[in-house]
């Protein structure tokens, strides 16, 4: 029983780290897209829809764990490592959303979904190589972090505008977190399928 709790705790912690590492840009987009109360409603709805789609797509990777030999699944860690390295090399600005106003929930969902390839690429391998208890914990951590993001938007909108330092720090740390998550997937850990 303690091993099961440890698996679940590890899954939740891993999900929280992975979510934060891959969704800071979506947090910024949410702040930009929800400037007025009407925009905020559409943005919340679009965010919930996009989060559901991302979770569904990423969890579909768990099927890989059933059909691909276990010792090959660790190689999926190359995906987040590659994204992290690319992020270190690129450091591009994501200001395109600054011009988007009055977006419908469907438009917000598509914007956020198109910006979530990194989240799918990180959570997919995690789902593929974890056992059921840790997989459920990953889902719980993902949902908890998505809810946290929704709660943070109104509280940090003004602070993010004023804090360019925080934004730079997070953009610098994100590629390193992606690389660390990729290394975790590569490693043969006790959350892997037995």
N, C-alpha and C. Protein backbone atom coordinates (compact mmCIF):
# COMPACT_ATOMS: atom_id res chain seq x y z
N UNK A 1 0.81 -1.22 0.00
CA UNK A 1 0.00 0.00 0.00
C UNK A 1 0.85 1.27 0.00
N UNK A 2 1.92 1.37 0.81
CA UNK A 2 2.73 2.59 0.76
C UNK A 2 3.37 2.81 -0.61
N UNK A 3 3.69 1.73 -1.32
CA UNK A 3 4.27 1.87 -2.66
C UNK A 3 3.25 2.49 -3.62
N UNK A 4 1.99 2.10 -3.49
CA UNK A 4 0.93 2.67 -4.33
C UNK A 4 0.80 4.17 -4.06
N UNK A 5 0.82 4.55 -2.79
CA UNK A 5 0.72 5.97 -2.44
C UNK A 5 1.93 6.74 -2.97
N UNK A 6 3.10 6.13 -2.91
CA UNK A 6 4.30 6.77 -3.43
C UNK A 6 4.21 6.95 -4.94
N UNK A 7 3.69 5.93 -5.65
CA UNK A 7 3.46 6.03 -7.10
C UNK A 7 2.52 7.18 -7.42
N UNK A 8 1.44 7.27 -6.66
CA UNK A 8 0.45 8.31 -6.93
C UNK A 8 1.01 9.70 -6.61
N UNK A 9 1.72 9.82 -5.51
CA UNK A 9 2.31 11.10 -5.15
C UNK A 9 3.33 11.53 -6.20
N UNK A 10 4.13 10.59 -6.66
CA UNK A 10 5.10 10.90 -7.72
C UNK A 10 4.39 11.35 -8.99
N UNK A 11 3.30 10.67 -9.34
CA UNK A 11 2.54 11.04 -10.53
C UNK A 11 1.97 12.44 -10.43
N UNK A 12 1.43 12.79 -9.28
CA UNK A 12 0.85 14.13 -9.10
C UNK A 12 1.94 15.19 -9.18
N UNK A 13 3.06 14.96 -8.50
CA UNK A 13 4.16 15.93 -8.52
C UNK A 13 4.71 16.08 -9.93
N UNK A 14 4.90 14.97 -10.60
CA UNK A 14 5.41 15.00 -11.97
C UNK A 14 4.45 15.75 -12.89
N UNK A 15 3.15 15.51 -12.74
CA UNK A 15 2.15 16.20 -13.56
C UNK A 15 2.17 17.70 -13.30
N UNK A 16 2.29 18.09 -12.05
CA UNK A 16 2.32 19.52 -11.72
C UNK A 16 3.55 20.19 -12.33
N UNK A 17 4.70 19.55 -12.23
CA UNK A 17 5.92 20.12 -12.81
C UNK A 17 5.81 20.18 -14.32
N UNK A 18 5.37 19.08 -14.93
CA UNK A 18 5.24 19.04 -16.39
C UNK A 18 4.23 20.07 -16.89
N UNK A 19 3.13 20.20 -16.19
CA UNK A 19 2.10 21.15 -16.60
C UNK A 19 2.64 22.58 -16.51
N UNK A 20 3.26 22.91 -15.39
CA UNK A 20 3.79 24.26 -15.23
C UNK A 20 4.87 24.56 -16.27
N UNK A 21 5.70 23.57 -16.56
CA UNK A 21 6.80 23.77 -17.51
C UNK A 21 6.29 23.98 -18.93
N UNK A 22 5.18 23.36 -19.26
CA UNK A 22 4.71 23.44 -20.65
C UNK A 22 3.55 24.41 -20.85
N UNK A 23 3.04 25.01 -19.79
CA UNK A 23 1.85 25.84 -19.94
C UNK A 23 1.99 27.28 -19.48
N UNK A 24 3.19 27.72 -19.18
CA UNK A 24 3.33 29.12 -18.81
C UNK A 24 2.91 30.02 -19.97
N UNK A 25 3.26 29.61 -21.18
CA UNK A 25 2.86 30.40 -22.35
C UNK A 25 1.34 30.45 -22.47
N UNK A 26 0.65 29.35 -22.15
CA UNK A 26 -0.82 29.38 -22.18
C UNK A 26 -1.38 30.28 -21.08
N UNK A 27 -0.70 30.36 -19.95
CA UNK A 27 -1.13 31.27 -18.90
C UNK A 27 -1.05 32.71 -19.39
N UNK A 28 0.02 33.03 -20.10
CA UNK A 28 0.14 34.37 -20.68
C UNK A 28 -0.94 34.61 -21.73
N UNK A 29 -1.20 33.61 -22.57
CA UNK A 29 -2.27 33.74 -23.56
C UNK A 29 -3.62 33.96 -22.90
N UNK A 30 -3.89 33.22 -21.83
CA UNK A 30 -5.16 33.38 -21.12
C UNK A 30 -5.32 34.80 -20.59
N UNK A 31 -4.23 35.36 -20.08
CA UNK A 31 -4.28 36.74 -19.59
C UNK A 31 -4.56 37.72 -20.71
N UNK A 32 -3.96 37.50 -21.86
CA UNK A 32 -4.17 38.39 -23.01
C UNK A 32 -5.59 38.26 -23.54
N UNK A 33 -6.07 37.03 -23.60
CA UNK A 33 -7.38 36.77 -24.20
C UNK A 33 -8.55 37.16 -23.31
N UNK A 34 -8.34 37.32 -22.02
CA UNK A 34 -9.47 37.58 -21.11
C UNK A 34 -9.40 38.99 -20.54
N UNK A 35 -9.38 39.98 -21.41
CA UNK A 35 -9.28 41.37 -20.98
C UNK A 35 -10.60 41.92 -20.44
N UNK A 36 -11.71 41.54 -21.03
CA UNK A 36 -13.02 42.02 -20.56
C UNK A 36 -13.79 40.85 -19.96
N UNK A 37 -14.88 41.12 -19.21
CA UNK A 37 -15.66 40.02 -18.63
C UNK A 37 -16.22 39.06 -19.68
N UNK A 38 -16.67 39.59 -20.83
CA UNK A 38 -17.17 38.71 -21.90
C UNK A 38 -16.05 37.84 -22.45
N UNK A 39 -14.89 38.47 -22.67
CA UNK A 39 -13.73 37.71 -23.15
C UNK A 39 -13.32 36.65 -22.13
N UNK A 40 -13.40 36.99 -20.84
CA UNK A 40 -12.99 36.06 -19.79
C UNK A 40 -13.87 34.80 -19.81
N UNK A 41 -15.17 34.98 -20.03
CA UNK A 41 -16.07 33.82 -20.09
C UNK A 41 -15.72 32.92 -21.27
N UNK A 42 -15.55 33.51 -22.44
CA UNK A 42 -15.18 32.74 -23.64
C UNK A 42 -13.83 32.06 -23.45
N UNK A 43 -12.91 32.77 -22.83
CA UNK A 43 -11.57 32.23 -22.61
C UNK A 43 -11.62 31.04 -21.67
N UNK A 44 -12.37 31.15 -20.58
CA UNK A 44 -12.49 30.03 -19.64
C UNK A 44 -13.07 28.80 -20.32
N UNK A 45 -14.14 28.99 -21.08
CA UNK A 45 -14.77 27.87 -21.79
C UNK A 45 -13.80 27.25 -22.79
N UNK A 46 -13.14 28.08 -23.57
CA UNK A 46 -12.16 27.58 -24.54
C UNK A 46 -11.01 26.86 -23.87
N UNK A 47 -10.56 27.37 -22.71
CA UNK A 47 -9.46 26.74 -21.98
C UNK A 47 -9.86 25.36 -21.48
N UNK A 48 -11.07 25.24 -20.95
CA UNK A 48 -11.55 23.94 -20.45
C UNK A 48 -11.64 22.94 -21.61
N UNK A 49 -12.16 23.38 -22.74
CA UNK A 49 -12.25 22.50 -23.92
C UNK A 49 -10.87 22.08 -24.40
N UNK A 50 -9.94 23.03 -24.48
CA UNK A 50 -8.58 22.72 -24.94
C UNK A 50 -7.88 21.79 -23.96
N UNK A 51 -8.05 22.02 -22.67
CA UNK A 51 -7.43 21.15 -21.66
C UNK A 51 -7.94 19.72 -21.77
N UNK A 52 -9.24 19.59 -21.98
CA UNK A 52 -9.81 18.25 -22.16
C UNK A 52 -9.24 17.54 -23.38
N UNK A 53 -9.10 18.28 -24.47
CA UNK A 53 -8.54 17.69 -25.69
C UNK A 53 -7.07 17.30 -25.50
N UNK A 54 -6.31 18.16 -24.85
CA UNK A 54 -4.89 17.87 -24.61
C UNK A 54 -4.76 16.62 -23.74
N UNK A 55 -5.56 16.54 -22.69
CA UNK A 55 -5.51 15.37 -21.80
C UNK A 55 -5.91 14.11 -22.54
N UNK A 56 -6.92 14.20 -23.37
CA UNK A 56 -7.36 13.05 -24.16
C UNK A 56 -6.27 12.60 -25.13
N UNK A 57 -5.67 13.54 -25.85
CA UNK A 57 -4.61 13.20 -26.80
C UNK A 57 -3.39 12.62 -26.10
N UNK A 58 -3.00 13.23 -24.99
CA UNK A 58 -1.82 12.73 -24.27
C UNK A 58 -2.07 11.36 -23.66
N UNK A 59 -3.26 11.16 -23.12
CA UNK A 59 -3.55 9.86 -22.49
C UNK A 59 -3.69 8.75 -23.53
N UNK A 60 -3.94 9.13 -24.77
CA UNK A 60 -3.99 8.12 -25.83
C UNK A 60 -2.64 7.42 -25.98
N UNK A 61 -1.58 8.08 -25.53
CA UNK A 61 -0.26 7.46 -25.57
C UNK A 61 -0.18 6.23 -24.67
N UNK A 62 -1.07 6.14 -23.68
CA UNK A 62 -1.02 4.98 -22.78
C UNK A 62 -1.27 3.69 -23.54
N UNK A 63 -1.93 3.78 -24.69
CA UNK A 63 -2.13 2.60 -25.53
C UNK A 63 -0.79 2.09 -26.04
N UNK A 64 0.16 3.02 -26.25
CA UNK A 64 1.50 2.61 -26.68
C UNK A 64 2.12 1.65 -25.68
N UNK A 65 1.84 1.88 -24.39
CA UNK A 65 2.39 1.02 -23.36
C UNK A 65 1.89 -0.40 -23.45
N UNK A 66 0.78 -0.60 -24.12
CA UNK A 66 0.23 -1.94 -24.27
C UNK A 66 0.75 -2.66 -25.50
N UNK A 67 1.17 -1.90 -26.52
CA UNK A 67 1.58 -2.53 -27.78
C UNK A 67 3.07 -2.42 -28.09
N UNK A 68 3.75 -1.50 -27.41
CA UNK A 68 5.18 -1.32 -27.65
C UNK A 68 5.95 -1.92 -26.47
N UNK A 69 7.02 -2.65 -26.74
CA UNK A 69 7.81 -3.22 -25.63
C UNK A 69 8.27 -2.14 -24.65
N UNK A 70 8.21 -2.46 -23.37
CA UNK A 70 8.50 -1.51 -22.30
C UNK A 70 9.86 -0.86 -22.44
N UNK A 71 10.87 -1.60 -22.82
CA UNK A 71 12.20 -1.03 -22.88
C UNK A 71 12.35 0.01 -24.01
N UNK A 72 11.41 0.06 -24.92
CA UNK A 72 11.43 1.07 -25.98
C UNK A 72 10.74 2.37 -25.57
N UNK A 73 9.82 2.28 -24.60
CA UNK A 73 9.04 3.45 -24.22
C UNK A 73 9.90 4.58 -23.65
N UNK A 74 10.97 4.22 -22.99
CA UNK A 74 11.86 5.25 -22.45
C UNK A 74 12.42 6.17 -23.51
N UNK A 75 12.53 5.65 -24.73
CA UNK A 75 13.06 6.47 -25.82
C UNK A 75 12.12 7.62 -26.19
N UNK A 76 10.87 7.57 -25.74
CA UNK A 76 9.96 8.70 -25.95
C UNK A 76 10.44 9.95 -25.21
N UNK A 77 11.34 9.76 -24.25
CA UNK A 77 11.91 10.90 -23.54
C UNK A 77 12.64 11.86 -24.45
N UNK A 78 13.02 11.41 -25.63
CA UNK A 78 13.70 12.28 -26.58
C UNK A 78 12.79 13.44 -27.02
N UNK A 79 11.47 13.24 -26.97
CA UNK A 79 10.55 14.30 -27.41
C UNK A 79 10.65 15.53 -26.51
N UNK A 80 10.43 15.41 -25.18
CA UNK A 80 10.57 16.62 -24.36
C UNK A 80 11.99 17.17 -24.32
N UNK A 81 13.00 16.29 -24.40
CA UNK A 81 14.38 16.77 -24.43
C UNK A 81 14.61 17.61 -25.67
N UNK A 82 14.12 17.15 -26.82
CA UNK A 82 14.27 17.89 -28.07
C UNK A 82 13.55 19.23 -27.99
N UNK A 83 12.34 19.23 -27.43
CA UNK A 83 11.60 20.49 -27.28
C UNK A 83 12.36 21.44 -26.37
N UNK A 84 12.93 20.92 -25.28
CA UNK A 84 13.71 21.75 -24.37
C UNK A 84 14.93 22.34 -25.04
N UNK A 85 15.65 21.52 -25.79
CA UNK A 85 16.84 22.01 -26.51
C UNK A 85 16.44 23.06 -27.55
N UNK A 86 15.35 22.78 -28.28
CA UNK A 86 14.86 23.73 -29.26
C UNK A 86 14.49 25.05 -28.58
N UNK A 87 13.86 24.94 -27.40
CA UNK A 87 13.49 26.15 -26.65
C UNK A 87 14.71 26.93 -26.21
N UNK A 88 15.78 26.23 -25.84
CA UNK A 88 17.01 26.92 -25.47
C UNK A 88 17.62 27.65 -26.66
N UNK A 89 17.52 27.04 -27.83
CA UNK A 89 18.12 27.63 -29.02
C UNK A 89 17.27 28.75 -29.62
N UNK A 90 15.97 28.62 -29.50
CA UNK A 90 15.07 29.53 -30.21
C UNK A 90 14.75 30.79 -29.44
N UNK A 91 14.23 30.65 -28.23
CA UNK A 91 13.84 31.79 -27.39
C UNK A 91 12.97 32.80 -28.12
N UNK A 92 12.03 32.30 -28.90
CA UNK A 92 11.19 33.20 -29.70
C UNK A 92 10.12 33.87 -28.85
N UNK A 93 9.68 35.01 -29.29
CA UNK A 93 8.60 35.73 -28.63
C UNK A 93 7.27 35.18 -29.11
N UNK A 94 6.31 35.08 -28.20
CA UNK A 94 4.97 34.62 -28.59
C UNK A 94 3.98 35.76 -28.38
N UNK A 95 4.13 36.81 -29.20
CA UNK A 95 3.29 37.98 -29.06
C UNK A 95 2.10 37.98 -30.01
N UNK A 96 1.92 36.93 -30.80
CA UNK A 96 0.84 36.91 -31.78
C UNK A 96 -0.52 37.06 -31.13
N UNK A 97 -0.68 36.52 -29.93
CA UNK A 97 -1.98 36.58 -29.27
C UNK A 97 -2.31 37.97 -28.77
N UNK A 98 -1.33 38.88 -28.75
CA UNK A 98 -1.60 40.24 -28.30
C UNK A 98 -2.65 40.93 -29.17
N UNK A 99 -2.75 40.51 -30.42
CA UNK A 99 -3.67 41.15 -31.35
C UNK A 99 -5.05 40.51 -31.37
N UNK A 100 -5.26 39.45 -30.60
CA UNK A 100 -6.52 38.72 -30.64
C UNK A 100 -7.47 39.28 -29.59
N UNK A 101 -8.62 39.68 -29.99
CA UNK A 101 -9.64 40.21 -29.07
C UNK A 101 -10.98 39.59 -29.43
N UNK A 102 -11.88 39.52 -28.47
CA UNK A 102 -13.24 39.03 -28.67
C UNK A 102 -13.27 37.64 -29.32
N UNK A 103 -12.43 36.75 -28.86
CA UNK A 103 -12.38 35.40 -29.42
C UNK A 103 -13.52 34.56 -28.86
N UNK A 104 -14.10 33.71 -29.71
CA UNK A 104 -15.14 32.79 -29.27
C UNK A 104 -14.49 31.64 -28.51
N UNK A 105 -15.28 30.87 -27.74
CA UNK A 105 -14.70 29.71 -27.05
C UNK A 105 -14.01 28.75 -28.01
N UNK A 106 -14.58 28.54 -29.19
CA UNK A 106 -13.96 27.62 -30.16
C UNK A 106 -12.62 28.18 -30.64
N UNK A 107 -12.56 29.49 -30.88
CA UNK A 107 -11.31 30.10 -31.32
C UNK A 107 -10.25 30.01 -30.23
N UNK A 108 -10.66 30.28 -28.99
CA UNK A 108 -9.73 30.17 -27.86
C UNK A 108 -9.23 28.74 -27.74
N UNK A 109 -10.13 27.77 -27.87
CA UNK A 109 -9.74 26.37 -27.78
C UNK A 109 -8.69 26.05 -28.85
N UNK A 110 -8.93 26.49 -30.09
CA UNK A 110 -7.98 26.21 -31.17
C UNK A 110 -6.64 26.90 -30.95
N UNK A 111 -6.68 28.12 -30.45
CA UNK A 111 -5.42 28.84 -30.17
C UNK A 111 -4.63 28.09 -29.10
N UNK A 112 -5.29 27.74 -28.01
CA UNK A 112 -4.60 27.06 -26.92
C UNK A 112 -4.17 25.65 -27.32
N UNK A 113 -5.01 24.97 -28.08
CA UNK A 113 -4.66 23.62 -28.53
C UNK A 113 -3.45 23.65 -29.46
N UNK A 114 -3.40 24.63 -30.35
CA UNK A 114 -2.25 24.72 -31.25
C UNK A 114 -0.98 25.08 -30.49
N UNK A 115 -1.14 25.68 -29.33
CA UNK A 115 0.01 26.07 -28.51
C UNK A 115 0.36 24.99 -27.48
N UNK A 116 -0.31 23.84 -27.53
CA UNK A 116 -0.13 22.81 -26.52
C UNK A 116 0.58 21.57 -27.01
N UNK A 117 1.23 21.65 -28.15
CA UNK A 117 1.95 20.48 -28.65
C UNK A 117 3.01 20.02 -27.66
N UNK A 118 3.64 20.99 -26.98
CA UNK A 118 4.66 20.62 -26.01
C UNK A 118 4.05 19.87 -24.82
N UNK A 119 2.85 20.26 -24.41
CA UNK A 119 2.19 19.57 -23.31
C UNK A 119 1.86 18.13 -23.69
N UNK A 120 1.34 17.96 -24.90
CA UNK A 120 1.03 16.61 -25.39
C UNK A 120 2.32 15.79 -25.50
N UNK A 121 3.37 16.44 -26.00
CA UNK A 121 4.65 15.74 -26.18
C UNK A 121 5.28 15.33 -24.86
N UNK A 122 5.01 16.06 -23.79
CA UNK A 122 5.57 15.70 -22.48
C UNK A 122 4.66 14.70 -21.77
N UNK A 123 3.36 14.97 -21.75
CA UNK A 123 2.45 14.07 -21.03
C UNK A 123 2.27 12.74 -21.74
N UNK A 124 2.33 12.73 -23.07
CA UNK A 124 2.18 11.48 -23.82
C UNK A 124 3.15 10.41 -23.38
N UNK A 125 4.46 10.68 -23.41
CA UNK A 125 5.41 9.66 -22.94
C UNK A 125 5.23 9.29 -21.47
N UNK A 126 4.85 10.28 -20.65
CA UNK A 126 4.62 9.96 -19.23
C UNK A 126 3.46 8.97 -19.09
N UNK A 127 2.38 9.20 -19.84
CA UNK A 127 1.26 8.26 -19.81
C UNK A 127 1.66 6.90 -20.37
N UNK A 128 2.45 6.91 -21.42
CA UNK A 128 2.82 5.65 -22.08
C UNK A 128 3.63 4.75 -21.19
N UNK A 129 4.45 5.32 -20.32
CA UNK A 129 5.36 4.48 -19.56
C UNK A 129 4.97 4.30 -18.09
N UNK A 130 3.84 4.81 -17.67
CA UNK A 130 3.48 4.67 -16.26
C UNK A 130 2.42 3.61 -16.07
N UNK A 131 2.41 3.07 -14.86
CA UNK A 131 1.39 2.10 -14.52
C UNK A 131 0.09 2.83 -14.21
N UNK A 132 -0.98 2.09 -14.00
CA UNK A 132 -2.32 2.68 -13.86
C UNK A 132 -2.42 3.69 -12.72
N UNK A 133 -1.93 3.35 -11.54
CA UNK A 133 -2.05 4.26 -10.40
C UNK A 133 -1.34 5.58 -10.66
N UNK A 134 -0.13 5.51 -11.20
CA UNK A 134 0.60 6.74 -11.51
C UNK A 134 -0.08 7.49 -12.66
N UNK A 135 -0.67 6.77 -13.60
CA UNK A 135 -1.39 7.41 -14.70
C UNK A 135 -2.60 8.18 -14.21
N UNK A 136 -3.34 7.59 -13.27
CA UNK A 136 -4.48 8.30 -12.68
C UNK A 136 -4.01 9.52 -11.90
N UNK A 137 -2.86 9.39 -11.25
CA UNK A 137 -2.30 10.52 -10.52
C UNK A 137 -1.87 11.62 -11.50
N UNK A 138 -1.35 11.23 -12.67
CA UNK A 138 -1.00 12.22 -13.69
C UNK A 138 -2.24 13.00 -14.12
N UNK A 139 -3.34 12.28 -14.32
CA UNK A 139 -4.59 12.94 -14.70
C UNK A 139 -5.03 13.91 -13.59
N UNK A 140 -4.97 13.45 -12.34
CA UNK A 140 -5.37 14.30 -11.21
C UNK A 140 -4.49 15.54 -11.13
N UNK A 141 -3.19 15.37 -11.31
CA UNK A 141 -2.28 16.52 -11.28
C UNK A 141 -2.54 17.48 -12.43
N UNK A 142 -2.81 16.93 -13.61
CA UNK A 142 -3.12 17.75 -14.79
C UNK A 142 -4.37 18.58 -14.53
N UNK A 143 -5.43 17.94 -14.05
CA UNK A 143 -6.69 18.64 -13.80
C UNK A 143 -6.51 19.69 -12.70
N UNK A 144 -5.77 19.36 -11.65
CA UNK A 144 -5.54 20.31 -10.57
C UNK A 144 -4.77 21.53 -11.07
N UNK A 145 -3.77 21.31 -11.92
CA UNK A 145 -3.00 22.43 -12.44
C UNK A 145 -3.82 23.27 -13.42
N UNK A 146 -4.66 22.62 -14.23
CA UNK A 146 -5.53 23.37 -15.14
C UNK A 146 -6.48 24.27 -14.34
N UNK A 147 -7.03 23.73 -13.27
CA UNK A 147 -7.92 24.52 -12.41
C UNK A 147 -7.15 25.67 -11.76
N UNK A 148 -5.92 25.41 -11.37
CA UNK A 148 -5.07 26.45 -10.78
C UNK A 148 -4.80 27.56 -11.79
N UNK A 149 -4.55 27.18 -13.03
CA UNK A 149 -4.31 28.18 -14.07
C UNK A 149 -5.53 29.08 -14.22
N UNK A 150 -6.72 28.47 -14.22
CA UNK A 150 -7.95 29.28 -14.35
C UNK A 150 -8.09 30.25 -13.19
N UNK A 151 -7.73 29.80 -12.00
CA UNK A 151 -7.84 30.66 -10.81
C UNK A 151 -6.77 31.76 -10.80
N UNK A 152 -5.61 31.47 -11.40
CA UNK A 152 -4.52 32.44 -11.39
C UNK A 152 -4.74 33.60 -12.34
N UNK A 153 -5.44 33.37 -13.42
CA UNK A 153 -5.56 34.39 -14.48
C UNK A 153 -6.02 35.74 -13.92
N UNK A 154 -7.14 35.81 -13.22
CA UNK A 154 -7.55 37.14 -12.76
C UNK A 154 -6.59 37.75 -11.73
N UNK A 155 -5.92 36.92 -10.98
CA UNK A 155 -5.05 37.43 -9.91
C UNK A 155 -3.70 37.93 -10.41
N UNK A 156 -3.24 37.41 -11.52
CA UNK A 156 -1.90 37.79 -11.96
C UNK A 156 -1.88 38.66 -13.21
N UNK A 157 -3.04 38.93 -13.79
CA UNK A 157 -3.08 39.71 -15.03
C UNK A 157 -2.27 41.00 -14.91
N UNK A 158 -2.54 41.77 -13.87
CA UNK A 158 -1.83 43.04 -13.70
C UNK A 158 -0.37 42.83 -13.32
N UNK A 159 -0.11 41.85 -12.50
CA UNK A 159 1.27 41.62 -12.06
C UNK A 159 2.17 41.16 -13.20
N UNK A 160 1.63 40.33 -14.11
CA UNK A 160 2.44 39.89 -15.24
C UNK A 160 2.78 41.05 -16.16
N UNK A 161 1.86 41.99 -16.28
CA UNK A 161 2.14 43.17 -17.11
C UNK A 161 3.31 43.96 -16.53
N UNK A 162 3.38 43.98 -15.19
CA UNK A 162 4.40 44.76 -14.52
C UNK A 162 5.71 44.01 -14.33
N UNK A 163 5.69 42.69 -14.43
CA UNK A 163 6.87 41.91 -14.09
C UNK A 163 7.48 41.23 -15.31
N UNK A 164 8.27 41.94 -16.04
CA UNK A 164 8.98 41.36 -17.17
C UNK A 164 10.04 40.38 -16.69
N UNK A 165 10.56 40.61 -15.48
CA UNK A 165 11.59 39.72 -14.92
C UNK A 165 11.05 38.32 -14.70
N UNK A 166 9.85 38.21 -14.13
CA UNK A 166 9.25 36.90 -13.90
C UNK A 166 9.03 36.17 -15.22
N UNK A 167 8.55 36.88 -16.21
CA UNK A 167 8.32 36.27 -17.51
C UNK A 167 9.63 35.75 -18.12
N UNK A 168 10.68 36.55 -18.03
CA UNK A 168 11.99 36.11 -18.56
C UNK A 168 12.50 34.89 -17.80
N UNK A 169 12.34 34.89 -16.49
CA UNK A 169 12.81 33.77 -15.67
C UNK A 169 12.10 32.47 -16.05
N UNK A 170 10.79 32.54 -16.20
CA UNK A 170 10.04 31.34 -16.55
C UNK A 170 10.41 30.86 -17.95
N UNK A 171 10.57 31.78 -18.88
CA UNK A 171 10.95 31.38 -20.24
C UNK A 171 12.34 30.75 -20.27
N UNK A 172 13.22 31.18 -19.39
CA UNK A 172 14.55 30.59 -19.32
C UNK A 172 14.53 29.23 -18.64
N UNK A 173 13.68 29.05 -17.65
CA UNK A 173 13.63 27.79 -16.89
C UNK A 173 12.88 26.69 -17.64
N UNK A 174 11.90 27.05 -18.45
CA UNK A 174 11.05 26.06 -19.11
C UNK A 174 11.83 25.04 -19.94
N UNK A 175 12.77 25.44 -20.81
CA UNK A 175 13.50 24.42 -21.57
C UNK A 175 14.26 23.44 -20.67
N UNK A 176 14.82 23.94 -19.58
CA UNK A 176 15.56 23.06 -18.66
C UNK A 176 14.62 22.06 -17.98
N UNK A 177 13.41 22.51 -17.63
CA UNK A 177 12.44 21.59 -17.04
C UNK A 177 12.01 20.53 -18.05
N UNK A 178 11.86 20.93 -19.31
CA UNK A 178 11.49 19.95 -20.35
C UNK A 178 12.59 18.89 -20.49
N UNK A 179 13.84 19.33 -20.47
CA UNK A 179 14.95 18.40 -20.59
C UNK A 179 14.96 17.45 -19.39
N UNK A 180 14.70 17.98 -18.19
CA UNK A 180 14.67 17.14 -16.98
C UNK A 180 13.55 16.11 -17.06
N UNK A 181 12.39 16.51 -17.55
CA UNK A 181 11.27 15.57 -17.69
C UNK A 181 11.61 14.50 -18.71
N UNK A 182 12.24 14.89 -19.81
CA UNK A 182 12.68 13.91 -20.82
C UNK A 182 13.66 12.91 -20.23
N UNK A 183 14.58 13.40 -19.41
CA UNK A 183 15.55 12.50 -18.75
C UNK A 183 14.83 11.55 -17.80
N UNK A 184 13.79 12.03 -17.12
CA UNK A 184 13.00 11.16 -16.24
C UNK A 184 12.35 10.04 -17.05
N UNK A 185 11.81 10.38 -18.22
CA UNK A 185 11.17 9.37 -19.06
C UNK A 185 12.21 8.35 -19.53
N UNK A 186 13.40 8.83 -19.89
CA UNK A 186 14.49 7.93 -20.29
C UNK A 186 14.88 6.98 -19.17
N UNK A 187 14.88 7.49 -17.95
CA UNK A 187 15.34 6.69 -16.81
C UNK A 187 14.38 5.54 -16.54
N UNK A 188 14.89 4.47 -16.06
CA UNK A 188 14.07 3.32 -15.68
C UNK A 188 13.66 3.52 -14.22
N UNK A 189 12.46 4.07 -14.03
CA UNK A 189 12.01 4.40 -12.68
C UNK A 189 10.93 3.45 -12.21
N UNK A 190 10.59 3.55 -10.92
CA UNK A 190 9.62 2.63 -10.35
C UNK A 190 8.18 3.01 -10.69
N UNK A 191 7.95 4.11 -11.42
CA UNK A 191 6.59 4.40 -11.87
C UNK A 191 6.32 3.75 -13.23
N UNK A 192 7.36 3.15 -13.84
CA UNK A 192 7.18 2.48 -15.11
C UNK A 192 6.30 1.25 -14.93
N UNK A 193 5.71 0.83 -16.04
CA UNK A 193 4.85 -0.37 -16.00
C UNK A 193 5.66 -1.58 -15.58
N UNK A 194 5.01 -2.43 -14.82
CA UNK A 194 5.67 -3.68 -14.37
C UNK A 194 5.30 -4.78 -15.32
